[in-house]
């Protein structure tokens, strides 16, 4: 059974930074397509950042581009999302998603992913 477990959420001050982690198990991780999504109350789940294959292109939502970095450590079966300069627009439940293959044009499409973690909550407040 393929599982994703996120961690690293919490309370962060505006302008601060955080690093989210997603540990994958039960899948040939090197070939998995890993993506971070987020969902704020009353809003649709949106793609934040994706790394679609080992050493491949990474993708970012416009709202986080330039202040976020997605990376992966295949030895630890973990994908990370570092976000800087957090704003009041960033609070949400952050989810890790994965699938065996995702077309690059669909990296932010919720329906393209079969496997999801339980999420980790990010709050931005002073």
C-alpha atoms as a PDB file:
ATOM      1  CA  UNK A   1       0.000   0.000   0.000  1.00  0.00           C
ATOM      2  CA  UNK A   2       1.350   3.362  -1.027  1.00  0.00           C
ATOM      3  CA  UNK A   3       1.363   5.950   1.745  1.00  0.00           C
ATOM      4  CA  UNK A   4       2.292   9.607   2.044  1.00  0.00           C
ATOM      5  CA  UNK A   5       2.847  11.284   5.389  1.00  0.00           C
ATOM      6  CA  UNK A   6       3.291  15.050   5.631  1.00  0.00           C
ATOM      7  CA  UNK A   7       4.836  17.010   8.461  1.00  0.00           C
ATOM      8  CA  UNK A   8       6.294  20.423   9.168  1.00  0.00           C
ATOM      9  CA  UNK A   9       3.198  22.557   9.360  1.00  0.00           C
ATOM     10  CA  UNK A  10       2.473  24.921  12.206  1.00  0.00           C
ATOM     11  CA  UNK A  11       2.232  28.557  13.155  1.00  0.00           C
ATOM     12  CA  UNK A  12       4.526  30.915  11.299  1.00  0.00           C
ATOM     13  CA  UNK A  13       4.789  34.681  11.503  1.00  0.00           C
ATOM     14  CA  UNK A  14       4.144  36.760   8.373  1.00  0.00           C
ATOM     15  CA  UNK A  15       7.356  36.977   6.415  1.00  0.00           C
ATOM     16  CA  UNK A  16       8.639  33.809   7.977  1.00  0.00           C
ATOM     17  CA  UNK A  17       9.611  30.507   6.423  1.00  0.00           C
ATOM     18  CA  UNK A  18       8.732  26.880   6.786  1.00  0.00           C
ATOM     19  CA  UNK A  19       9.766  23.524   5.419  1.00  0.00           C
ATOM     20  CA  UNK A  20       7.211  20.838   4.801  1.00  0.00           C
ATOM     21  CA  UNK A  21       8.184  17.202   4.413  1.00  0.00           C
ATOM     22  CA  UNK A  22       6.396  14.307   2.774  1.00  0.00           C
ATOM     23  CA  UNK A  23       7.637  10.788   3.318  1.00  0.00           C
ATOM     24  CA  UNK A  24       6.546   8.200   0.779  1.00  0.00           C
ATOM     25  CA  UNK A  25       6.395   4.473   1.286  1.00  0.00           C
ATOM     26  CA  UNK A  26       5.147   1.497  -0.645  1.00  0.00           C
ATOM     27  CA  UNK A  27       6.042   2.766  -4.118  1.00  0.00           C
ATOM     28  CA  UNK A  28       9.089   2.847  -6.345  1.00  0.00           C
ATOM     29  CA  UNK A  29       9.801   6.362  -5.242  1.00  0.00           C
ATOM     30  CA  UNK A  30      12.303   7.251  -7.934  1.00  0.00           C
ATOM     31  CA  UNK A  31       9.548   7.107 -10.518  1.00  0.00           C
ATOM     32  CA  UNK A  32       6.816   8.763  -8.521  1.00  0.00           C
ATOM     33  CA  UNK A  33       5.461  12.147  -9.413  1.00  0.00           C
ATOM     34  CA  UNK A  34       5.301  14.223  -6.251  1.00  0.00           C
ATOM     35  CA  UNK A  35       3.307  17.387  -5.819  1.00  0.00           C
ATOM     36  CA  UNK A  36       2.281  19.745  -3.045  1.00  0.00           C
ATOM     37  CA  UNK A  37      -1.273  21.044  -2.965  1.00  0.00           C
ATOM     38  CA  UNK A  38      -3.013  23.297  -0.490  1.00  0.00           C
ATOM     39  CA  UNK A  39      -6.585  23.993   0.434  1.00  0.00           C
ATOM     40  CA  UNK A  40      -7.834  26.930   2.441  1.00  0.00           C
ATOM     41  CA  UNK A  41     -11.300  26.936   4.028  1.00  0.00           C
ATOM     42  CA  UNK A  42     -13.969  27.587   1.426  1.00  0.00           C
ATOM     43  CA  UNK A  43     -11.519  27.335  -1.466  1.00  0.00           C
ATOM     44  CA  UNK A  44     -10.640  24.667  -3.974  1.00  0.00           C
ATOM     45  CA  UNK A  45      -7.540  22.595  -3.568  1.00  0.00           C
ATOM     46  CA  UNK A  46      -4.753  24.120  -5.631  1.00  0.00           C
ATOM     47  CA  UNK A  47      -1.414  22.919  -6.837  1.00  0.00           C
ATOM     48  CA  UNK A  48       1.522  24.649  -5.203  1.00  0.00           C
ATOM     49  CA  UNK A  49       4.634  22.928  -6.498  1.00  0.00           C
ATOM     50  CA  UNK A  50       5.567  19.726  -8.257  1.00  0.00           C
ATOM     51  CA  UNK A  51       8.653  17.745  -9.036  1.00  0.00           C
ATOM     52  CA  UNK A  52       7.570  15.308 -11.643  1.00  0.00           C
ATOM     53  CA  UNK A  53      10.488  12.956 -11.909  1.00  0.00           C
ATOM     54  CA  UNK A  54      13.919  12.413 -10.511  1.00  0.00           C
ATOM     55  CA  UNK A  55      16.052  15.294 -11.629  1.00  0.00           C
ATOM     56  CA  UNK A  56      13.304  16.670 -13.810  1.00  0.00           C
ATOM     57  CA  UNK A  57      11.584  19.979 -14.202  1.00  0.00           C
ATOM     58  CA  UNK A  58       9.880  21.495 -11.212  1.00  0.00           C
ATOM     59  CA  UNK A  59       6.690  23.524 -11.412  1.00  0.00           C
ATOM     60  CA  UNK A  60       5.294  26.244  -9.198  1.00  0.00           C
ATOM     61  CA  UNK A  61       2.043  28.109  -8.853  1.00  0.00           C
ATOM     62  CA  UNK A  62       2.340  31.785  -9.663  1.00  0.00           C
ATOM     63  CA  UNK A  63       1.370  32.634  -6.101  1.00  0.00           C
ATOM     64  CA  UNK A  64       4.472  30.954  -4.658  1.00  0.00           C
ATOM     65  CA  UNK A  65       6.968  31.141  -7.499  1.00  0.00           C
ATOM     66  CA  UNK A  66      10.171  32.848  -6.532  1.00  0.00           C
ATOM     67  CA  UNK A  67       9.732  32.212  -2.825  1.00  0.00           C
ATOM     68  CA  UNK A  68       9.300  28.464  -2.758  1.00  0.00           C
ATOM     69  CA  UNK A  69      11.505  25.496  -3.524  1.00  0.00           C
ATOM     70  CA  UNK A  70      10.503  21.887  -3.976  1.00  0.00           C
ATOM     71  CA  UNK A  71      13.148  19.230  -3.647  1.00  0.00           C
ATOM     72  CA  UNK A  72      13.396  15.530  -3.054  1.00  0.00           C
ATOM     73  CA  UNK A  73      15.752  13.156  -1.317  1.00  0.00           C
ATOM     74  CA  UNK A  74      15.286   9.770  -2.923  1.00  0.00           C
ATOM     75  CA  UNK A  75      17.478   8.079  -0.320  1.00  0.00           C
ATOM     76  CA  UNK A  76      15.006   9.167   2.354  1.00  0.00           C
ATOM     77  CA  UNK A  77      11.917   8.781   0.129  1.00  0.00           C
ATOM     78  CA  UNK A  78      11.053  12.351   1.022  1.00  0.00           C
ATOM     79  CA  UNK A  79       9.935  15.422  -0.871  1.00  0.00           C
ATOM     80  CA  UNK A  80      10.279  18.854   0.691  1.00  0.00           C
ATOM     81  CA  UNK A  81       8.629  22.199   0.177  1.00  0.00           C
ATOM     82  CA  UNK A  82      10.381  25.270   1.505  1.00  0.00           C
ATOM     83  CA  UNK A  83       8.331  28.434   1.490  1.00  0.00           C
ATOM     84  CA  UNK A  84       9.723  31.863   2.344  1.00  0.00           C
ATOM     85  CA  UNK A  85       8.091  35.238   2.887  1.00  0.00           C
ATOM     86  CA  UNK A  86       4.834  33.730   4.056  1.00  0.00           C
ATOM     87  CA  UNK A  87       1.788  35.949   3.675  1.00  0.00           C
ATOM     88  CA  UNK A  88      -1.814  35.890   4.923  1.00  0.00           C
ATOM     89  CA  UNK A  89      -2.661  34.180   1.601  1.00  0.00           C
ATOM     90  CA  UNK A  90      -0.629  31.086   2.479  1.00  0.00           C
ATOM     91  CA  UNK A  91      -2.511  29.548   5.420  1.00  0.00           C
ATOM     92  CA  UNK A  92      -4.082  26.270   4.377  1.00  0.00           C
ATOM     93  CA  UNK A  93      -3.949  22.558   4.785  1.00  0.00           C
ATOM     94  CA  UNK A  94      -1.009  21.410   2.715  1.00  0.00           C
ATOM     95  CA  UNK A  95      -1.206  18.022   1.073  1.00  0.00           C
ATOM     96  CA  UNK A  96       1.317  15.828  -0.627  1.00  0.00           C
ATOM     97  CA  UNK A  97       0.122  13.913  -3.670  1.00  0.00           C
ATOM     98  CA  UNK A  98       1.716  11.297  -5.873  1.00  0.00           C
ATOM     99  CA  UNK A  99       1.090   9.104  -8.831  1.00  0.00           C
ATOM    100  CA  UNK A 100       3.048   6.841 -11.136  1.00  0.00           C
ATOM    101  CA  UNK A 101       2.863   9.318 -14.001  1.00  0.00           C
ATOM    102  CA  UNK A 102       1.360  12.730 -14.515  1.00  0.00           C
ATOM    103  CA  UNK A 103       1.429  14.732 -17.716  1.00  0.00           C
ATOM    104  CA  UNK A 104       3.388  17.915 -17.066  1.00  0.00           C
ATOM    105  CA  UNK A 105       0.450  19.980 -18.286  1.00  0.00           C
ATOM    106  CA  UNK A 106      -1.668  18.450 -15.531  1.00  0.00           C
ATOM    107  CA  UNK A 107       0.739  18.848 -12.644  1.00  0.00           C
ATOM    108  CA  UNK A 108      -1.741  21.033 -10.722  1.00  0.00           C
ATOM    109  CA  UNK A 109      -4.789  18.940 -11.543  1.00  0.00           C
ATOM    110  CA  UNK A 110      -6.176  17.306  -8.421  1.00  0.00           C
ATOM    111  CA  UNK A 111      -7.753  14.515 -10.458  1.00  0.00           C
ATOM    112  CA  UNK A 112      -4.369  13.498 -11.882  1.00  0.00           C
ATOM    113  CA  UNK A 113      -3.218  12.035  -8.551  1.00  0.00           C
ATOM    114  CA  UNK A 114      -4.324   8.815  -6.949  1.00  0.00           C
ATOM    115  CA  UNK A 115      -2.391   8.969  -3.701  1.00  0.00           C
ATOM    116  CA  UNK A 116      -2.750  11.654  -1.042  1.00  0.00           C
ATOM    117  CA  UNK A 117      -1.422  12.284   2.401  1.00  0.00           C
ATOM    118  CA  UNK A 118      -3.519  13.392   5.343  1.00  0.00           C
ATOM    119  CA  UNK A 119      -2.254  16.960   5.187  1.00  0.00           C
ATOM    120  CA  UNK A 120      -0.393  19.299   7.480  1.00  0.00           C
ATOM    121  CA  UNK A 121      -1.847  22.615   8.626  1.00  0.00           C
ATOM    122  CA  UNK A 122      -0.022  25.879   8.022  1.00  0.00           C
ATOM    123  CA  UNK A 123      -1.113  28.997   9.890  1.00  0.00           C
ATOM    124  CA  UNK A 124       0.338  32.446   9.324  1.00  0.00           C
ATOM    125  CA  UNK A 125      -0.202  34.900  12.129  1.00  0.00           C
ATOM    126  CA  UNK A 126       1.659  37.402  14.242  1.00  0.00           C
END
